[in-house]
Amino acid sequence: MFLDRVSQNDVMVLTGQVPRSGTGEISHVVRFTAPSNEMRATITWNIYNRTRFVGVNVDLTTSDGALVGSDAFTGTLATRAAVSTLDVSSLTPNQVYILKVSGVQTSGLNYSIAIEFGPP
């Protein structure tokens, strides 16, 4: 997915799902042109019984693959959701970046990613 019309103060919400009935690889890639130098991604993993994540990661890279930032686990909620965030304040406006969610889980889950862009 490539988003080239992202504006400052926009919020993008992306969702993904792996069925409850089995295991699956998590892979979600979004390319976008940065509208400002600040970005915050909040990732919410809605977990079901006996869910186990293996190597789950959210990375932001430049278009040539240089790592800009990676998510940090911030805790769990009473609603059976795990949350992580990715904060970056060093983007170059009008440059292309790639946000990649990857990992493996052992039973069903769904997730959402809210990406917010700050002032330049």
PDB file of N, CA and C in Angstrom:
ATOM      1  N   MET A   1       0.839  -1.160   0.000  1.00  0.00           N
ATOM      2  CA  MET A   1       0.000   0.000   0.000  1.00  0.00           C
ATOM      3  C   MET A   1       0.894   1.235   0.000  1.00  0.00           C
ATOM      4  N   PHE A   2       0.612   2.199  -0.868  1.00  0.00           N
ATOM      5  CA  PHE A   2       1.366   3.454  -0.892  1.00  0.00           C
ATOM      6  C   PHE A   2       0.400   4.614  -0.696  1.00  0.00           C
ATOM      7  N   LEU A   3       0.697   5.441   0.283  1.00  0.00           N
ATOM      8  CA  LEU A   3      -0.125   6.617   0.565  1.00  0.00           C
ATOM      9  C   LEU A   3       0.679   7.851   0.218  1.00  0.00           C
ATOM     10  N   ASP A   4       0.276   8.560  -0.835  1.00  0.00           N
ATOM     11  CA  ASP A   4       1.059   9.724  -1.246  1.00  0.00           C
ATOM     12  C   ASP A   4       0.346  11.043  -0.979  1.00  0.00           C
ATOM     13  N   ARG A   5      -0.826  11.007  -0.408  1.00  0.00           N
ATOM     14  CA  ARG A   5      -1.564  12.237  -0.130  1.00  0.00           C
ATOM     15  C   ARG A   5      -1.827  12.409   1.363  1.00  0.00           C
ATOM     16  N   VAL A   6      -0.848  12.080   2.176  1.00  0.00           N
ATOM     17  CA  VAL A   6      -0.961  12.244   3.612  1.00  0.00           C
ATOM     18  C   VAL A   6      -0.642  13.693   3.946  1.00  0.00           C
ATOM     19  N   SER A   7      -1.469  14.296   4.790  1.00  0.00           N
ATOM     20  CA  SER A   7      -1.271  15.692   5.171  1.00  0.00           C
ATOM     21  C   SER A   7      -0.956  15.804   6.658  1.00  0.00           C
ATOM     22  N   GLN A   8      -0.369  16.928   7.022  1.00  0.00           N
ATOM     23  CA  GLN A   8      -0.096  17.213   8.421  1.00  0.00           C
ATOM     24  C   GLN A   8      -1.410  17.131   9.188  1.00  0.00           C
ATOM     25  N   ASN A   9      -1.379  16.576  10.392  1.00  0.00           N
ATOM     26  CA  ASN A   9      -2.527  16.379  11.282  1.00  0.00           C
ATOM     27  C   ASN A   9      -3.471  15.278  10.819  1.00  0.00           C
ATOM     28  N   ASP A  10      -3.148  14.561   9.730  1.00  0.00           N
ATOM     29  CA  ASP A  10      -3.942  13.401   9.327  1.00  0.00           C
ATOM     30  C   ASP A  10      -3.713  12.258  10.318  1.00  0.00           C
ATOM     31  N   VAL A  11      -4.709  11.400  10.442  1.00  0.00           N
ATOM     32  CA  VAL A  11      -4.585  10.175  11.217  1.00  0.00           C
ATOM     33  C   VAL A  11      -4.986   9.029  10.296  1.00  0.00           C
ATOM     34  N   MET A  12      -4.080   8.079  10.087  1.00  0.00           N
ATOM     35  CA  MET A  12      -4.382   6.887   9.290  1.00  0.00           C
ATOM     36  C   MET A  12      -4.632   5.749  10.266  1.00  0.00           C
ATOM     37  N   VAL A  13      -5.668   4.957  10.029  1.00  0.00           N
ATOM     38  CA  VAL A  13      -5.932   3.782  10.852  1.00  0.00           C
ATOM     39  C   VAL A  13      -5.904   2.564   9.941  1.00  0.00           C
ATOM     40  N   LEU A  14      -5.006   1.631  10.239  1.00  0.00           N
ATOM     41  CA  LEU A  14      -4.847   0.402   9.471  1.00  0.00           C
ATOM     42  C   LEU A  14      -5.247  -0.766  10.353  1.00  0.00           C
ATOM     43  N   THR A  15      -5.846  -1.798   9.770  1.00  0.00           N
ATOM     44  CA  THR A  15      -6.233  -2.962  10.552  1.00  0.00           C
ATOM     45  C   THR A  15      -5.754  -4.236   9.876  1.00  0.00           C
ATOM     46  N   GLY A  16      -5.565  -5.272  10.675  1.00  0.00           N
ATOM     47  CA  GLY A  16      -5.184  -6.574  10.169  1.00  0.00           C
ATOM     48  C   GLY A  16      -5.760  -7.652  11.061  1.00  0.00           C
ATOM     49  N   GLN A  17      -5.871  -8.862  10.543  1.00  0.00           N
ATOM     50  CA  GLN A  17      -6.468  -9.945  11.314  1.00  0.00           C
ATOM     51  C   GLN A  17      -5.864 -11.282  10.920  1.00  0.00           C
ATOM     52  N   VAL A  18      -5.674 -12.151  11.923  1.00  0.00           N
ATOM     53  CA  VAL A  18      -5.298 -13.540  11.703  1.00  0.00           C
ATOM     54  C   VAL A  18      -6.404 -14.374  12.335  1.00  0.00           C
ATOM     55  N   PRO A  19      -6.962 -15.377  11.634  1.00  0.00           N
ATOM     56  CA  PRO A  19      -8.100 -16.148  12.146  1.00  0.00           C
ATOM     57  C   PRO A  19      -7.826 -16.831  13.477  1.00  0.00           C
ATOM     58  N   ARG A  20      -8.877 -16.969  14.298  1.00  0.00           N
ATOM     59  CA  ARG A  20      -8.772 -17.663  15.580  1.00  0.00           C
ATOM     60  C   ARG A  20      -8.418 -19.135  15.409  1.00  0.00           C
ATOM     61  N   SER A  21      -8.710 -19.700  14.256  1.00  0.00           N
ATOM     62  CA  SER A  21      -8.584 -21.145  14.069  1.00  0.00           C
ATOM     63  C   SER A  21      -7.170 -21.626  13.775  1.00  0.00           C
ATOM     64  N   GLY A  22      -6.201 -20.750  13.711  1.00  0.00           N
ATOM     65  CA  GLY A  22      -4.873 -21.241  13.376  1.00  0.00           C
ATOM     66  C   GLY A  22      -3.787 -20.236  13.642  1.00  0.00           C
ATOM     67  N   THR A  23      -2.622 -20.576  13.162  1.00  0.00           N
ATOM     68  CA  THR A  23      -1.472 -19.696  13.319  1.00  0.00           C
ATOM     69  C   THR A  23      -1.294 -18.908  12.036  1.00  0.00           C
ATOM     70  N   GLY A  24      -0.472 -17.910  12.109  1.00  0.00           N
ATOM     71  CA  GLY A  24      -0.253 -17.151  10.897  1.00  0.00           C
ATOM     72  C   GLY A  24       0.853 -16.137  11.024  1.00  0.00           C
ATOM     73  N   GLU A  25       1.403 -15.805   9.869  1.00  0.00           N
ATOM     74  CA  GLU A  25       2.423 -14.775   9.803  1.00  0.00           C
ATOM     75  C   GLU A  25       1.729 -13.423   9.739  1.00  0.00           C
ATOM     76  N   ILE A  26       2.260 -12.480  10.464  1.00  0.00           N
ATOM     77  CA  ILE A  26       1.761 -11.117  10.434  1.00  0.00           C
ATOM     78  C   ILE A  26       2.681 -10.327   9.511  1.00  0.00           C
ATOM     79  N   SER A  27       2.125  -9.708   8.487  1.00  0.00           N
ATOM     80  CA  SER A  27       2.921  -8.902   7.570  1.00  0.00           C
ATOM     81  C   SER A  27       2.036  -7.794   7.001  1.00  0.00           C
ATOM     82  N   HIS A  28       2.379  -6.581   7.311  1.00  0.00           N
ATOM     83  CA  HIS A  28       1.619  -5.427   6.845  1.00  0.00           C
ATOM     84  C   HIS A  28       2.638  -4.339   6.510  1.00  0.00           C
ATOM     85  N   VAL A  29       2.663  -3.883   5.271  1.00  0.00           N
ATOM     86  CA  VAL A  29       3.633  -2.882   4.829  1.00  0.00           C
ATOM     87  C   VAL A  29       2.894  -1.692   4.253  1.00  0.00           C
ATOM     88  N   VAL A  30       3.263  -0.502   4.724  1.00  0.00           N
ATOM     89  CA  VAL A  30       2.668   0.739   4.221  1.00  0.00           C
ATOM     90  C   VAL A  30       3.802   1.689   3.856  1.00  0.00           C
ATOM     91  N   ARG A  31       3.752   2.202   2.641  1.00  0.00           N
ATOM     92  CA  ARG A  31       4.704   3.223   2.197  1.00  0.00           C
ATOM     93  C   ARG A  31       3.961   4.553   2.156  1.00  0.00           C
ATOM     94  N   PHE A  32       4.631   5.597   2.625  1.00  0.00           N
ATOM     95  CA  PHE A  32       3.984   6.911   2.616  1.00  0.00           C
ATOM     96  C   PHE A  32       5.024   8.004   2.466  1.00  0.00           C
ATOM     97  N   THR A  33       4.564   9.137   1.983  1.00  0.00           N
ATOM     98  CA  THR A  33       5.395  10.335   1.898  1.00  0.00           C
ATOM     99  C   THR A  33       5.117  11.172   3.133  1.00  0.00           C
ATOM    100  N   ALA A  34       6.141  11.447   3.910  1.00  0.00           N
ATOM    101  CA  ALA A  34       5.969  12.163   5.177  1.00  0.00           C
ATOM    102  C   ALA A  34       5.532  13.607   4.943  1.00  0.00           C
ATOM    103  N   PRO A  35       4.446  14.040   5.593  1.00  0.00           N
ATOM    104  CA  PRO A  35       3.997  15.413   5.452  1.00  0.00           C
ATOM    105  C   PRO A  35       4.683  16.355   6.446  1.00  0.00           C
ATOM    106  N   SER A  36       5.346  15.799   7.463  1.00  0.00           N
ATOM    107  CA  SER A  36       5.991  16.618   8.495  1.00  0.00           C
ATOM    108  C   SER A  36       7.135  15.808   9.099  1.00  0.00           C
ATOM    109  N   ASN A  37       7.825  16.392  10.073  1.00  0.00           N
ATOM    110  CA  ASN A  37       8.968  15.685  10.652  1.00  0.00           C
ATOM    111  C   ASN A  37       8.602  14.819  11.851  1.00  0.00           C
ATOM    112  N   GLU A  38       7.342  14.858  12.306  1.00  0.00           N
ATOM    113  CA  GLU A  38       6.928  14.082  13.464  1.00  0.00           C
ATOM    114  C   GLU A  38       5.847  13.071  13.110  1.00  0.00           C
ATOM    115  N   MET A  39       5.982  11.862  13.707  1.00  0.00           N
ATOM    116  CA  MET A  39       5.002  10.814  13.497  1.00  0.00           C
ATOM    117  C   MET A  39       4.886   9.991  14.769  1.00  0.00           C
ATOM    118  N   ARG A  40       3.666   9.599  15.102  1.00  0.00           N
ATOM    119  CA  ARG A  40       3.432   8.694  16.224  1.00  0.00           C
ATOM    120  C   ARG A  40       2.500   7.581  15.745  1.00  0.00           C
ATOM    121  N   ALA A  41       2.918   6.338  15.962  1.00  0.00           N
ATOM    122  CA  ALA A  41       2.075   5.189  15.643  1.00  0.00           C
ATOM    123  C   ALA A  41       1.724   4.487  16.948  1.00  0.00           C
ATOM    124  N   THR A  42       0.445   4.241  17.146  1.00  0.00           N
ATOM    125  CA  THR A  42      -0.027   3.487  18.304  1.00  0.00           C
ATOM    126  C   THR A  42      -0.607   2.176  17.782  1.00  0.00           C
ATOM    127  N   ILE A  43      -0.038   1.067  18.238  1.00  0.00           N
ATOM    128  CA  ILE A  43      -0.444  -0.243  17.749  1.00  0.00           C
ATOM    129  C   ILE A  43      -1.179  -0.964  18.875  1.00  0.00           C
ATOM    130  N   THR A  44      -2.410  -1.394  18.607  1.00  0.00           N
ATOM    131  CA  THR A  44      -3.214  -2.112  19.593  1.00  0.00           C
ATOM    132  C   THR A  44      -3.445  -3.530  19.086  1.00  0.00           C
ATOM    133  N   TRP A  45      -2.999  -4.503  19.866  1.00  0.00           N
ATOM    134  CA  TRP A  45      -3.139  -5.921  19.526  1.00  0.00           C
ATOM    135  C   TRP A  45      -4.267  -6.470  20.385  1.00  0.00           C
ATOM    136  N   ASN A  46      -5.408  -6.803  19.783  1.00  0.00           N
ATOM    137  CA  ASN A  46      -6.527  -7.390  20.508  1.00  0.00           C
ATOM    138  C   ASN A  46      -6.325  -8.891  20.554  1.00  0.00           C
ATOM    139  N   ILE A  47      -6.036  -9.391  21.746  1.00  0.00           N
ATOM    140  CA  ILE A  47      -5.641 -10.789  21.883  1.00  0.00           C
ATOM    141  C   ILE A  47      -6.797 -11.645  22.395  1.00  0.00           C
ATOM    142  N   TYR A  48      -6.800 -12.900  21.969  1.00  0.00           N
ATOM    143  CA  TYR A  48      -7.782 -13.881  22.409  1.00  0.00           C
ATOM    144  C   TYR A  48      -7.100 -14.845  23.370  1.00  0.00           C
ATOM    145  N   ASN A  49      -7.816 -15.800  23.891  1.00  0.00           N
ATOM    146  CA  ASN A  49      -7.255 -16.794  24.811  1.00  0.00           C
ATOM    147  C   ASN A  49      -6.079 -17.524  24.179  1.00  0.00           C
ATOM    148  N   ARG A  50      -5.031 -17.714  24.974  1.00  0.00           N
ATOM    149  CA  ARG A  50      -3.838 -18.477  24.597  1.00  0.00           C
ATOM    150  C   ARG A  50      -3.083 -17.918  23.387  1.00  0.00           C
ATOM    151  N   THR A  51      -3.253 -16.645  23.102  1.00  0.00           N
ATOM    152  CA  THR A  51      -2.493 -16.053  22.011  1.00  0.00           C
ATOM    153  C   THR A  51      -1.042 -15.869  22.443  1.00  0.00           C
ATOM    154  N   ARG A  52      -0.145 -16.208  21.563  1.00  0.00           N
ATOM    155  CA  ARG A  52       1.278 -16.015  21.808  1.00  0.00           C
ATOM    156  C   ARG A  52       1.890 -15.398  20.561  1.00  0.00           C
ATOM    157  N   PHE A  53       2.601 -14.302  20.737  1.00  0.00           N
ATOM    158  CA  PHE A  53       3.267 -13.628  19.636  1.00  0.00           C
ATOM    159  C   PHE A  53       4.733 -14.026  19.626  1.00  0.00           C
ATOM    160  N   VAL A  54       5.297 -14.213  18.445  1.00  0.00           N
ATOM    161  CA  VAL A  54       6.703 -14.562  18.316  1.00  0.00           C
ATOM    162  C   VAL A  54       7.341 -13.562  17.358  1.00  0.00           C
ATOM    163  N   GLY A  55       8.318 -12.816  17.841  1.00  0.00           N
ATOM    164  CA  GLY A  55       9.057 -11.898  16.980  1.00  0.00           C
ATOM    165  C   GLY A  55       8.217 -10.787  16.382  1.00  0.00           C
ATOM    166  N   VAL A  56       7.187 -10.328  17.092  1.00  0.00           N
ATOM    167  CA  VAL A  56       6.351  -9.252  16.565  1.00  0.00           C
ATOM    168  C   VAL A  56       7.109  -7.937  16.666  1.00  0.00           C
ATOM    169  N   ASN A  57       7.095  -7.195  15.568  1.00  0.00           N
ATOM    170  CA  ASN A  57       7.859  -5.959  15.517  1.00  0.00           C
ATOM    171  C   ASN A  57       7.205  -4.966  14.568  1.00  0.00           C
ATOM    172  N   VAL A  58       7.325  -3.686  14.891  1.00  0.00           N
ATOM    173  CA  VAL A  58       6.870  -2.610  14.009  1.00  0.00           C
ATOM    174  C   VAL A  58       8.067  -1.694  13.792  1.00  0.00           C
ATOM    175  N   ASP A  59       8.500  -1.595  12.532  1.00  0.00           N
ATOM    176  CA  ASP A  59       9.669  -0.782  12.198  1.00  0.00           C
ATOM    177  C   ASP A  59       9.301   0.293  11.184  1.00  0.00           C
ATOM    178  N   LEU A  60       9.975   1.417  11.280  1.00  0.00           N
ATOM    179  CA  LEU A  60       9.886   2.473  10.282  1.00  0.00           C
ATOM    180  C   LEU A  60      11.263   2.611   9.655  1.00  0.00           C
ATOM    181  N   THR A  61      11.308   2.525   8.320  1.00  0.00           N
ATOM    182  CA  THR A  61      12.575   2.660   7.608  1.00  0.00           C
ATOM    183  C   THR A  61      12.455   3.725   6.523  1.00  0.00           C
ATOM    184  N   THR A  62      13.602   4.158   6.038  1.00  0.00           N
ATOM    185  CA  THR A  62      13.618   5.019   4.863  1.00  0.00           C
ATOM    186  C   THR A  62      13.320   4.135   3.652  1.00  0.00           C
ATOM    187  N   SER A  63      13.116   4.739   2.514  1.00  0.00           N
ATOM    188  CA  SER A  63      12.810   3.958   1.310  1.00  0.00           C
ATOM    189  C   SER A  63      13.972   3.055   0.894  1.00  0.00           C
ATOM    190  N   ASP A  64      15.198   3.361   1.346  1.00  0.00           N
ATOM    191  CA  ASP A  64      16.337   2.499   1.016  1.00  0.00           C
ATOM    192  C   ASP A  64      16.674   1.521   2.141  1.00  0.00           C
ATOM    193  N   GLY A  65      15.801   1.403   3.154  1.00  0.00           N
ATOM    194  CA  GLY A  65      15.948   0.382   4.177  1.00  0.00           C
ATOM    195  C   GLY A  65      16.645   0.766   5.462  1.00  0.00           C
ATOM    196  N   ALA A  66      17.077   2.016   5.622  1.00  0.00           N
ATOM    197  CA  ALA A  66      17.739   2.438   6.858  1.00  0.00           C
ATOM    198  C   ALA A  66      16.699   2.565   7.973  1.00  0.00           C
ATOM    199  N   LEU A  67      16.962   1.948   9.123  1.00  0.00           N
ATOM    200  CA  LEU A  67      16.032   1.978  10.242  1.00  0.00           C
ATOM    201  C   LEU A  67      15.932   3.382  10.840  1.00  0.00           C
ATOM    202  N   VAL A  68      14.706   3.874  10.959  1.00  0.00           N
ATOM    203  CA  VAL A  68      14.444   5.188  11.549  1.00  0.00           C
ATOM    204  C   VAL A  68      13.945   5.021  12.984  1.00  0.00           C
ATOM    205  N   GLY A  69      13.113   3.994  13.224  1.00  0.00           N
ATOM    206  CA  GLY A  69      12.591   3.756  14.562  1.00  0.00           C
ATOM    207  C   GLY A  69      11.887   2.418  14.644  1.00  0.00           C
ATOM    208  N   SER A  70      11.717   1.934  15.889  1.00  0.00           N
ATOM    209  CA  SER A  70      11.040   0.673  16.140  1.00  0.00           C
ATOM    210  C   SER A  70      10.098   0.866  17.320  1.00  0.00           C
ATOM    211  N   ASP A  71       9.037   0.076  17.354  1.00  0.00           N
ATOM    212  CA  ASP A  71       8.046   0.247  18.415  1.00  0.00           C
ATOM    213  C   ASP A  71       8.574  -0.216  19.762  1.00  0.00           C
ATOM    214  N   ALA A  72       7.912   0.274  20.825  1.00  0.00           N
ATOM    215  CA  ALA A  72       8.218  -0.126  22.195  1.00  0.00           C
ATOM    216  C   ALA A  72       6.916  -0.550  22.867  1.00  0.00           C
ATOM    217  N   PHE A  73       6.952  -1.676  23.556  1.00  0.00           N
ATOM    218  CA  PHE A  73       5.789  -2.192  24.261  1.00  0.00           C
ATOM    219  C   PHE A  73       5.447  -1.243  25.404  1.00  0.00           C
ATOM    220  N   THR A  74       4.173  -0.861  25.503  1.00  0.00           N
ATOM    221  CA  THR A  74       3.779   0.065  26.575  1.00  0.00           C
ATOM    222  C   THR A  74       2.860  -0.573  27.603  1.00  0.00           C
ATOM    223  N   GLY A  75       2.423  -1.815  27.388  1.00  0.00           N
ATOM    224  CA  GLY A  75       1.628  -2.503  28.397  1.00  0.00           C
ATOM    225  C   GLY A  75       0.381  -3.144  27.837  1.00  0.00           C
ATOM    226  N   THR A  76      -0.420  -3.688  28.760  1.00  0.00           N
ATOM    227  CA  THR A  76      -1.681  -4.314  28.387  1.00  0.00           C
ATOM    228  C   THR A  76      -2.831  -3.559  29.026  1.00  0.00           C
ATOM    229  N   LEU A  77      -3.999  -3.713  28.436  1.00  0.00           N
ATOM    230  CA  LEU A  77      -5.204  -3.076  28.934  1.00  0.00           C
ATOM    231  C   LEU A  77      -6.140  -4.128  29.508  1.00  0.00           C
ATOM    232  N   ALA A  78      -7.074  -3.705  30.358  1.00  0.00           N
ATOM    233  CA  ALA A  78      -8.056  -4.631  30.933  1.00  0.00           C
ATOM    234  C   ALA A  78      -8.928  -5.265  29.858  1.00  0.00           C
ATOM    235  N   THR A  79      -8.957  -4.687  28.677  1.00  0.00           N
ATOM    236  CA  THR A  79      -9.780  -5.199  27.575  1.00  0.00           C
ATOM    237  C   THR A  79      -9.078  -6.288  26.785  1.00  0.00           C
ATOM    238  N   ARG A  80      -8.015  -6.868  27.332  1.00  0.00           N
ATOM    239  CA  ARG A  80      -7.230  -7.923  26.673  1.00  0.00           C
ATOM    240  C   ARG A  80      -6.550  -7.409  25.412  1.00  0.00           C
ATOM    241  N   ALA A  81      -6.004  -6.241  25.508  1.00  0.00           N
ATOM    242  CA  ALA A  81      -5.266  -5.661  24.388  1.00  0.00           C
ATOM    243  C   ALA A  81      -3.853  -5.313  24.847  1.00  0.00           C
ATOM    244  N   ALA A  82      -2.893  -5.585  23.986  1.00  0.00           N
ATOM    245  CA  ALA A  82      -1.511  -5.176  24.218  1.00  0.00           C
ATOM    246  C   ALA A  82      -1.264  -3.938  23.354  1.00  0.00           C
ATOM    247  N   VAL A  83      -0.464  -3.015  23.860  1.00  0.00           N
ATOM    248  CA  VAL A  83      -0.246  -1.752  23.159  1.00  0.00           C
ATOM    249  C   VAL A  83       1.246  -1.471  23.034  1.00  0.00           C
ATOM    250  N   SER A  84       1.635  -0.999  21.853  1.00  0.00           N
ATOM    251  CA  SER A  84       2.996  -0.509  21.666  1.00  0.00           C
ATOM    252  C   SER A  84       2.926   0.802  20.885  1.00  0.00           C
ATOM    253  N   THR A  85       3.988   1.581  20.980  1.00  0.00           N
ATOM    254  CA  THR A  85       4.028   2.872  20.291  1.00  0.00           C
ATOM    255  C   THR A  85       5.358   3.028  19.559  1.00  0.00           C
ATOM    256  N   LEU A  86       5.324   3.874  18.549  1.00  0.00           N
ATOM    257  CA  LEU A  86       6.503   4.232  17.773  1.00  0.00           C
ATOM    258  C   LEU A  86       6.456   5.741  17.579  1.00  0.00           C
ATOM    259  N   ASP A  87       7.389   6.449  18.194  1.00  0.00           N
ATOM    260  CA  ASP A  87       7.459   7.911  18.091  1.00  0.00           C
ATOM    261  C   ASP A  87       8.720   8.312  17.351  1.00  0.00           C
ATOM    262  N   VAL A  88       8.562   9.168  16.343  1.00  0.00           N
ATOM    263  CA  VAL A  88       9.697   9.643  15.562  1.00  0.00           C
ATOM    264  C   VAL A  88       9.544  11.147  15.360  1.00  0.00           C
ATOM    265  N   SER A  89      10.628  11.884  15.577  1.00  0.00           N
ATOM    266  CA  SER A  89      10.590  13.336  15.357  1.00  0.00           C
ATOM    267  C   SER A  89      11.690  13.787  14.403  1.00  0.00           C
ATOM    268  N   SER A  90      12.213  12.839  13.617  1.00  0.00           N
ATOM    269  CA  SER A  90      13.331  13.165  12.727  1.00  0.00           C
ATOM    270  C   SER A  90      13.036  12.824  11.261  1.00  0.00           C
ATOM    271  N   LEU A  91      11.758  12.804  10.884  1.00  0.00           N
ATOM    272  CA  LEU A  91      11.428  12.541   9.488  1.00  0.00           C
ATOM    273  C   LEU A  91      11.794  13.732   8.616  1.00  0.00           C
ATOM    274  N   THR A  92      12.059  13.467   7.360  1.00  0.00           N
ATOM    275  CA  THR A  92      12.290  14.531   6.386  1.00  0.00           C
ATOM    276  C   THR A  92      11.006  14.680   5.571  1.00  0.00           C
ATOM    277  N   PRO A  93      10.327  15.829   5.688  1.00  0.00           N
ATOM    278  CA  PRO A  93       9.086  16.008   4.919  1.00  0.00           C
ATOM    279  C   PRO A  93       9.315  15.775   3.428  1.00  0.00           C
ATOM    280  N   ASN A  94       8.316  15.193   2.770  1.00  0.00           N
ATOM    281  CA  ASN A  94       8.312  14.876   1.344  1.00  0.00           C
ATOM    282  C   ASN A  94       9.221  13.708   0.966  1.00  0.00           C
ATOM    283  N   GLN A  95       9.736  12.984   1.948  1.00  0.00           N
ATOM    284  CA  GLN A  95      10.515  11.782   1.690  1.00  0.00           C
ATOM    285  C   GLN A  95       9.633  10.555   1.917  1.00  0.00           C
ATOM    286  N   VAL A  96       9.938   9.458   1.224  1.00  0.00           N
ATOM    287  CA  VAL A  96       9.166   8.226   1.346  1.00  0.00           C
ATOM    288  C   VAL A  96       9.717   7.381   2.495  1.00  0.00           C
ATOM    289  N   TYR A  97       8.801   6.863   3.329  1.00  0.00           N
ATOM    290  CA  TYR A  97       9.134   5.981   4.446  1.00  0.00           C
ATOM    291  C   TYR A  97       8.297   4.715   4.341  1.00  0.00           C
ATOM    292  N   ILE A  98       8.757   3.659   5.011  1.00  0.00           N
ATOM    293  CA  ILE A  98       8.062   2.371   4.994  1.00  0.00           C
ATOM    294  C   ILE A  98       7.816   1.931   6.430  1.00  0.00           C
ATOM    295  N   LEU A  99       6.552   1.665   6.747  1.00  0.00           N
ATOM    296  CA  LEU A  99       6.171   1.132   8.054  1.00  0.00           C
ATOM    297  C   LEU A  99       5.848  -0.344   7.854  1.00  0.00           C
ATOM    298  N   LYS A 100       6.537  -1.213   8.621  1.00  0.00           N
ATOM    299  CA  LYS A 100       6.342  -2.654   8.442  1.00  0.00           C
ATOM    300  C   LYS A 100       6.021  -3.308   9.777  1.00  0.00           C
ATOM    301  N   VAL A 101       4.920  -4.060   9.772  1.00  0.00           N
ATOM    302  CA  VAL A 101       4.517  -4.872  10.915  1.00  0.00           C
ATOM    303  C   VAL A 101       4.846  -6.318  10.547  1.00  0.00           C
ATOM    304  N   SER A 102       5.576  -7.027  11.419  1.00  0.00           N
ATOM    305  CA  SER A 102       5.935  -8.407  11.108  1.00  0.00           C
ATOM    306  C   SER A 102       5.948  -9.246  12.373  1.00  0.00           C
ATOM    307  N   GLY A 103       5.865 -10.553  12.198  1.00  0.00           N
ATOM    308  CA  GLY A 103       5.916 -11.492  13.308  1.00  0.00           C
ATOM    309  C   GLY A 103       5.063 -12.707  13.030  1.00  0.00           C
ATOM    310  N   VAL A 104       4.903 -13.544  14.051  1.00  0.00           N
ATOM    311  CA  VAL A 104       4.096 -14.754  13.967  1.00  0.00           C
ATOM    312  C   VAL A 104       3.271 -14.839  15.237  1.00  0.00           C
ATOM    313  N   GLN A 105       2.039 -15.334  15.117  1.00  0.00           N
ATOM    314  CA  GLN A 105       1.224 -15.567  16.306  1.00  0.00           C
ATOM    315  C   GLN A 105       0.648 -16.969  16.227  1.00  0.00           C
ATOM    316  N   THR A 106       0.280 -17.520  17.401  1.00  0.00           N
ATOM    317  CA  THR A 106      -0.122 -18.922  17.453  1.00  0.00           C
ATOM    318  C   THR A 106      -1.624 -19.140  17.536  1.00  0.00           C
ATOM    319  N   SER A 107      -2.412 -18.116  17.579  1.00  0.00           N
ATOM    320  CA  SER A 107      -3.873 -18.229  17.489  1.00  0.00           C
ATOM    321  C   SER A 107      -4.416 -16.881  17.060  1.00  0.00           C
ATOM    322  N   GLY A 108      -5.712 -16.749  16.979  1.00  0.00           N
ATOM    323  CA  GLY A 108      -6.311 -15.560  16.382  1.00  0.00           C
ATOM    324  C   GLY A 108      -6.016 -14.251  17.087  1.00  0.00           C
ATOM    325  N   LEU A 109      -5.950 -13.205  16.314  1.00  0.00           N
ATOM    326  CA  LEU A 109      -5.821 -11.862  16.834  1.00  0.00           C
ATOM    327  C   LEU A 109      -6.211 -10.879  15.746  1.00  0.00           C
ATOM    328  N   ASN A 110      -6.483  -9.676  16.162  1.00  0.00           N
ATOM    329  CA  ASN A 110      -6.575  -8.591  15.202  1.00  0.00           C
ATOM    330  C   ASN A 110      -5.822  -7.409  15.786  1.00  0.00           C
ATOM    331  N   TYR A 111      -5.452  -6.499  14.936  1.00  0.00           N
ATOM    332  CA  TYR A 111      -4.677  -5.357  15.400  1.00  0.00           C
ATOM    333  C   TYR A 111      -5.078  -4.121  14.620  1.00  0.00           C
ATOM    334  N   SER A 112      -4.815  -2.982  15.229  1.00  0.00           N
ATOM    335  CA  SER A 112      -5.023  -1.716  14.531  1.00  0.00           C
ATOM    336  C   SER A 112      -3.807  -0.839  14.790  1.00  0.00           C
ATOM    337  N   ILE A 113      -3.527  -0.005  13.809  1.00  0.00           N
ATOM    338  CA  ILE A 113      -2.402   0.923  13.904  1.00  0.00           C
ATOM    339  C   ILE A 113      -2.955   2.313  13.583  1.00  0.00           C
ATOM    340  N   ALA A 114      -2.833   3.219  14.536  1.00  0.00           N
ATOM    341  CA  ALA A 114      -3.225   4.602  14.308  1.00  0.00           C
ATOM    342  C   ALA A 114      -1.943   5.402  14.114  1.00  0.00           C
ATOM    343  N   ILE A 115      -1.791   6.013  12.944  1.00  0.00           N
ATOM    344  CA  ILE A 115      -0.591   6.789  12.637  1.00  0.00           C
ATOM    345  C   ILE A 115      -0.982   8.253  12.557  1.00  0.00           C
ATOM    346  N   GLU A 116      -0.341   9.074  13.369  1.00  0.00           N
ATOM    347  CA  GLU A 116      -0.626  10.509  13.423  1.00  0.00           C
ATOM    348  C   GLU A 116       0.623  11.283  13.018  1.00  0.00           C
ATOM    349  N   PHE A 117       0.439  12.340  12.250  1.00  0.00           N
ATOM    350  CA  PHE A 117       1.544  13.193  11.839  1.00  0.00           C
ATOM    351  C   PHE A 117       1.411  14.544  12.527  1.00  0.00           C
ATOM    352  N   GLY A 118       2.539  15.017  13.095  1.00  0.00           N
ATOM    353  CA  GLY A 118       2.538  16.257  13.844  1.00  0.00           C
ATOM    354  C   GLY A 118       2.932  17.447  13.001  1.00  0.00           C
ATOM    355  N   PRO A 119       3.126  18.564  13.690  1.00  0.00           N
ATOM    356  CA  PRO A 119       3.510  19.782  12.982  1.00  0.00           C
ATOM    357  C   PRO A 119       4.925  19.677  12.410  1.00  0.00           C
ATOM    358  N   PRO A 120       5.194  20.409  11.340  1.00  0.00           N
ATOM    359  CA  PRO A 120       6.536  20.366  10.736  1.00  0.00           C
ATOM    360  C   PRO A 120       7.569  21.057  11.605  1.00  0.00           C
TER     361      PRO A 120
END
